[in-house]
Structures are given as structure tokens and as C-alpha cells.
Amino acid sequence: MAQSGKGKLNYRCPSCFMRDLDIDMFYDKDKDEFYCIRCQYTGTEKDVLEKNEMIRFRYGAMAKRITKFDFD
């Protein structure tokens, strides 16, 4: 998803991203946390980054071409 405007980087919602939805999170300055308008996920910046890092293992081999399958 394209980032609108300049400024702080937008984060993906970890809960939506696990379901293959690319939803940007919004930042609430008063509560100092990020929130998703689609699934009601809320979390601090540290929490969001940790969960997004855990999800990245799903796409670890996406750029790797697999040509040989050994099922024997």
C-alpha cells in the first residue's frame, strides 16, 4: 500500500497482515499507540514491529525459485 504524505512511516496491522490483508495503521498521539480501523487491533510501536517481524517468515522464500523437489 502506498504511503500517503511524508512523515513517520506507516506500519501494517499485524492481525490483518496475517490474513493477507495489507492495511495501514493509524497513530493516536494522545494514547501513544497505533490502531487499525478494520480489526480494532491496538499496540505500541514496539509491539507492532515485533509482530510484523514474526509474520515475515511467511514470505522468506518468496524471491527464491524452487526448481527441484525431493519427495523420496
N, C-alpha and C. Protein backbone atom coordinates (compact mmCIF):
# COMPACT_ATOMS: atom_id res chain seq x y z
N MET A 1 0.85 -1.16 0.00
CA MET A 1 0.00 0.00 0.00
C MET A 1 0.90 1.23 0.00
N ALA A 2 0.55 2.21 -0.75
CA ALA A 2 1.36 3.42 -0.83
C ALA A 2 1.20 4.25 0.43
N GLN A 3 2.28 4.87 0.81
CA GLN A 3 2.24 5.73 1.98
C GLN A 3 1.76 7.10 1.58
N SER A 4 0.77 7.59 2.27
CA SER A 4 0.23 8.91 1.96
C SER A 4 1.00 9.98 2.71
N GLY A 5 1.51 10.94 1.97
CA GLY A 5 2.20 12.06 2.59
C GLY A 5 3.57 11.69 3.11
N LYS A 6 4.25 12.69 3.61
CA LYS A 6 5.58 12.47 4.17
C LYS A 6 5.48 12.51 5.68
N GLY A 7 6.44 11.92 6.31
CA GLY A 7 6.44 11.89 7.76
C GLY A 7 6.78 10.51 8.26
N LYS A 8 6.25 10.16 9.42
CA LYS A 8 6.55 8.88 10.04
C LYS A 8 6.03 7.73 9.16
N LEU A 9 6.82 6.67 9.09
CA LEU A 9 6.47 5.52 8.28
C LEU A 9 5.19 4.86 8.77
N ASN A 10 4.33 4.49 7.84
CA ASN A 10 3.12 3.76 8.21
C ASN A 10 3.46 2.30 8.46
N TYR A 11 2.81 1.69 9.43
CA TYR A 11 3.00 0.29 9.75
C TYR A 11 1.80 -0.51 9.29
N ARG A 12 2.04 -1.77 8.95
CA ARG A 12 0.95 -2.67 8.60
C ARG A 12 0.36 -3.24 9.88
N CYS A 13 -0.94 -3.47 9.86
CA CYS A 13 -1.59 -4.09 11.00
C CYS A 13 -1.20 -5.57 11.04
N PRO A 14 -0.59 -6.05 12.13
CA PRO A 14 -0.16 -7.45 12.18
C PRO A 14 -1.32 -8.43 12.10
N SER A 15 -2.43 -8.11 12.72
CA SER A 15 -3.58 -9.00 12.70
C SER A 15 -4.15 -9.15 11.29
N CYS A 16 -4.29 -8.05 10.58
CA CYS A 16 -4.80 -8.10 9.20
C CYS A 16 -3.77 -8.72 8.26
N PHE A 17 -2.49 -8.42 8.49
CA PHE A 17 -1.43 -8.92 7.62
C PHE A 17 -1.32 -10.44 7.69
N MET A 18 -1.63 -11.03 8.85
CA MET A 18 -1.63 -12.50 8.97
C MET A 18 -2.73 -13.12 8.11
N ARG A 19 -3.76 -12.34 7.81
CA ARG A 19 -4.84 -12.82 6.94
C ARG A 19 -4.67 -12.31 5.52
N ASP A 20 -3.44 -11.91 5.16
CA ASP A 20 -3.09 -11.44 3.82
C ASP A 20 -3.83 -10.18 3.41
N LEU A 21 -4.11 -9.31 4.37
CA LEU A 21 -4.69 -8.00 4.09
C LEU A 21 -3.64 -6.94 4.38
N ASP A 22 -3.45 -6.05 3.47
CA ASP A 22 -2.43 -5.01 3.61
C ASP A 22 -3.09 -3.72 4.07
N ILE A 23 -3.25 -3.57 5.37
CA ILE A 23 -3.95 -2.42 5.96
C ILE A 23 -2.97 -1.58 6.76
N ASP A 24 -2.91 -0.29 6.47
CA ASP A 24 -2.07 0.63 7.23
C ASP A 24 -2.72 0.93 8.58
N MET A 25 -1.87 1.14 9.58
CA MET A 25 -2.36 1.51 10.90
C MET A 25 -2.31 3.02 11.06
N PHE A 26 -3.11 3.53 11.96
CA PHE A 26 -3.14 4.95 12.29
C PHE A 26 -2.52 5.15 13.66
N TYR A 27 -2.01 6.34 13.90
CA TYR A 27 -1.33 6.66 15.15
C TYR A 27 -2.18 7.62 15.98
N ASP A 28 -2.35 7.28 17.24
CA ASP A 28 -3.07 8.12 18.19
C ASP A 28 -2.05 8.79 19.11
N LYS A 29 -1.86 10.10 18.96
CA LYS A 29 -0.86 10.81 19.76
C LYS A 29 -1.21 10.84 21.23
N ASP A 30 -2.49 10.94 21.55
CA ASP A 30 -2.91 11.03 22.95
C ASP A 30 -2.57 9.76 23.73
N LYS A 31 -2.80 8.61 23.11
CA LYS A 31 -2.54 7.33 23.78
C LYS A 31 -1.16 6.77 23.46
N ASP A 32 -0.46 7.39 22.51
CA ASP A 32 0.86 6.93 22.07
C ASP A 32 0.82 5.47 21.61
N GLU A 33 -0.16 5.15 20.75
CA GLU A 33 -0.28 3.79 20.23
C GLU A 33 -0.84 3.82 18.82
N PHE A 34 -0.64 2.72 18.12
CA PHE A 34 -1.16 2.56 16.77
C PHE A 34 -2.43 1.73 16.83
N TYR A 35 -3.34 1.98 15.89
CA TYR A 35 -4.60 1.24 15.87
C TYR A 35 -5.02 0.98 14.43
N CYS A 36 -5.80 -0.09 14.25
CA CYS A 36 -6.32 -0.48 12.94
C CYS A 36 -7.82 -0.21 12.92
N ILE A 37 -8.31 0.41 11.87
CA ILE A 37 -9.75 0.70 11.80
C ILE A 37 -10.54 -0.49 11.27
N ARG A 38 -9.85 -1.51 10.77
CA ARG A 38 -10.55 -2.66 10.22
C ARG A 38 -10.81 -3.73 11.28
N CYS A 39 -9.83 -3.99 12.14
CA CYS A 39 -9.97 -5.12 13.08
C CYS A 39 -9.88 -4.70 14.55
N GLN A 40 -9.74 -3.46 14.85
CA GLN A 40 -9.65 -2.91 16.20
C GLN A 40 -8.39 -3.35 16.94
N TYR A 41 -7.32 -3.71 16.22
CA TYR A 41 -6.04 -4.03 16.87
C TYR A 41 -5.39 -2.72 17.33
N THR A 42 -4.85 -2.72 18.54
CA THR A 42 -4.09 -1.57 19.04
C THR A 42 -2.79 -2.08 19.65
N GLY A 43 -1.75 -1.27 19.56
CA GLY A 43 -0.48 -1.65 20.15
C GLY A 43 0.53 -0.54 20.04
N THR A 44 1.56 -0.64 20.87
CA THR A 44 2.65 0.32 20.82
C THR A 44 3.50 0.06 19.58
N GLU A 45 4.39 1.00 19.29
CA GLU A 45 5.26 0.85 18.12
C GLU A 45 6.13 -0.40 18.26
N LYS A 46 6.63 -0.64 19.44
CA LYS A 46 7.47 -1.82 19.69
C LYS A 46 6.68 -3.10 19.46
N ASP A 47 5.46 -3.15 19.96
CA ASP A 47 4.60 -4.33 19.80
C ASP A 47 4.29 -4.60 18.33
N VAL A 48 3.97 -3.55 17.59
CA VAL A 48 3.65 -3.69 16.16
C VAL A 48 4.87 -4.19 15.38
N LEU A 49 6.04 -3.62 15.67
CA LEU A 49 7.26 -4.05 14.97
C LEU A 49 7.61 -5.50 15.28
N GLU A 50 7.45 -5.93 16.53
CA GLU A 50 7.74 -7.32 16.90
C GLU A 50 6.81 -8.29 16.18
N LYS A 51 5.54 -7.98 16.14
CA LYS A 51 4.58 -8.87 15.49
C LYS A 51 4.75 -8.89 13.98
N ASN A 52 5.08 -7.75 13.38
CA ASN A 52 5.33 -7.74 11.94
C ASN A 52 6.59 -8.53 11.59
N GLU A 53 7.57 -8.52 12.47
CA GLU A 53 8.80 -9.30 12.23
C GLU A 53 8.50 -10.80 12.30
N MET A 54 7.62 -11.21 13.19
CA MET A 54 7.23 -12.62 13.29
C MET A 54 6.51 -13.09 12.03
N ILE A 55 5.77 -12.20 11.40
CA ILE A 55 4.99 -12.56 10.21
C ILE A 55 5.88 -12.70 8.99
N ARG A 56 7.02 -12.03 8.97
CA ARG A 56 7.89 -12.03 7.79
C ARG A 56 8.39 -13.42 7.40
N PHE A 57 8.38 -14.38 8.32
CA PHE A 57 8.86 -15.72 7.96
C PHE A 57 7.97 -16.36 6.90
N ARG A 58 6.72 -15.94 6.78
CA ARG A 58 5.84 -16.48 5.74
C ARG A 58 6.35 -16.18 4.35
N TYR A 59 7.00 -15.05 4.21
CA TYR A 59 7.44 -14.60 2.89
C TYR A 59 8.95 -14.70 2.73
N GLY A 60 9.61 -15.48 3.55
CA GLY A 60 11.07 -15.60 3.50
C GLY A 60 11.59 -16.17 2.19
N ALA A 61 10.88 -17.12 1.59
CA ALA A 61 11.35 -17.77 0.36
C ALA A 61 10.59 -17.27 -0.87
N MET A 62 9.95 -16.12 -0.76
CA MET A 62 9.14 -15.64 -1.86
C MET A 62 9.98 -15.32 -3.10
N ALA A 63 11.17 -14.80 -2.94
CA ALA A 63 12.01 -14.44 -4.08
C ALA A 63 12.90 -15.59 -4.53
N LYS A 64 12.83 -16.70 -3.85
CA LYS A 64 13.67 -17.86 -4.17
C LYS A 64 12.94 -18.78 -5.14
N ARG A 65 13.60 -19.16 -6.21
CA ARG A 65 12.99 -20.05 -7.20
C ARG A 65 13.30 -21.49 -6.82
N ILE A 66 12.27 -22.28 -6.65
CA ILE A 66 12.42 -23.69 -6.28
C ILE A 66 12.24 -24.52 -7.54
N THR A 67 13.30 -25.22 -7.94
CA THR A 67 13.26 -25.99 -9.19
C THR A 67 13.33 -27.50 -8.95
N LYS A 68 13.76 -27.92 -7.78
CA LYS A 68 13.90 -29.35 -7.52
C LYS A 68 13.10 -29.73 -6.27
N PHE A 69 12.32 -30.77 -6.43
CA PHE A 69 11.52 -31.27 -5.32
C PHE A 69 11.98 -32.69 -5.01
N ASP A 70 12.44 -32.95 -3.81
CA ASP A 70 12.87 -34.27 -3.41
C ASP A 70 11.86 -34.84 -2.41
N PHE A 71 10.95 -35.63 -2.94
CA PHE A 71 9.93 -36.23 -2.08
C PHE A 71 10.23 -37.68 -1.75
N ASP A 72 11.39 -38.19 -2.19
CA ASP A 72 11.74 -39.59 -1.95
C ASP A 72 12.24 -39.82 -0.57
